[in-house]
Amino acid sequence: MIIKQTLYKIALISTAMILMLVNIVDAVPYAYITNSSSNTI
């Protein structure tokens, strides 16, 4: 039972990390620079 729970946790964490990396890779070509004095991007 403990082994199953551990495997589920590892699978969940691995999936979350992969999804986060995919989102980071998609965002790489863009840089948003804020201009706080005129509230523009």
Protein backbone atom coordinates (compact mmCIF):
# COMPACT_ATOMS: atom_id res chain seq x y z
CA MET A 1 0.00 0.00 0.00
CA ILE A 2 2.81 2.43 0.87
CA ILE A 3 4.58 1.61 -2.39
CA LYS A 4 1.43 2.46 -4.40
CA GLN A 5 1.04 5.78 -2.60
CA THR A 6 4.68 6.62 -3.23
CA LEU A 7 4.37 5.77 -6.92
CA TYR A 8 1.24 7.92 -7.22
CA LYS A 9 3.03 10.84 -5.58
CA ILE A 10 6.04 10.47 -7.89
CA ALA A 11 3.76 10.28 -10.95
CA LEU A 12 1.81 13.34 -9.85
CA ILE A 13 4.92 15.40 -9.15
CA SER A 14 6.52 14.31 -12.44
CA THR A 15 3.43 15.25 -14.41
CA ALA A 16 3.22 18.64 -12.71
CA MET A 17 6.89 19.34 -13.44
CA ILE A 18 6.51 18.38 -17.10
CA LEU A 19 3.48 20.66 -17.47
CA MET A 20 5.36 23.52 -15.83
CA LEU A 21 8.34 23.04 -18.15
CA VAL A 22 6.08 23.00 -21.20
CA ASN A 23 4.55 26.31 -20.11
CA ILE A 24 7.99 27.84 -19.54
CA VAL A 25 9.20 26.73 -22.98
CA ASP A 26 6.12 28.26 -24.63
CA ALA A 27 6.73 31.60 -22.91
CA VAL A 28 10.40 31.94 -23.90
CA PRO A 29 10.01 34.04 -27.11
CA TYR A 30 8.09 36.80 -25.31
CA ALA A 31 9.28 39.45 -22.91
CA TYR A 32 6.74 41.78 -21.32
CA ILE A 33 8.15 44.98 -19.91
CA THR A 34 5.83 47.03 -17.76
CA ASN A 35 5.83 50.81 -17.67
CA SER A 36 4.40 51.70 -14.30
CA SER A 37 4.33 55.44 -14.96
CA SER A 38 1.80 55.12 -17.81
CA ASN A 39 0.24 51.74 -16.92
CA THR A 40 1.24 50.18 -20.26
CA ILE A 41 3.06 47.07 -21.34
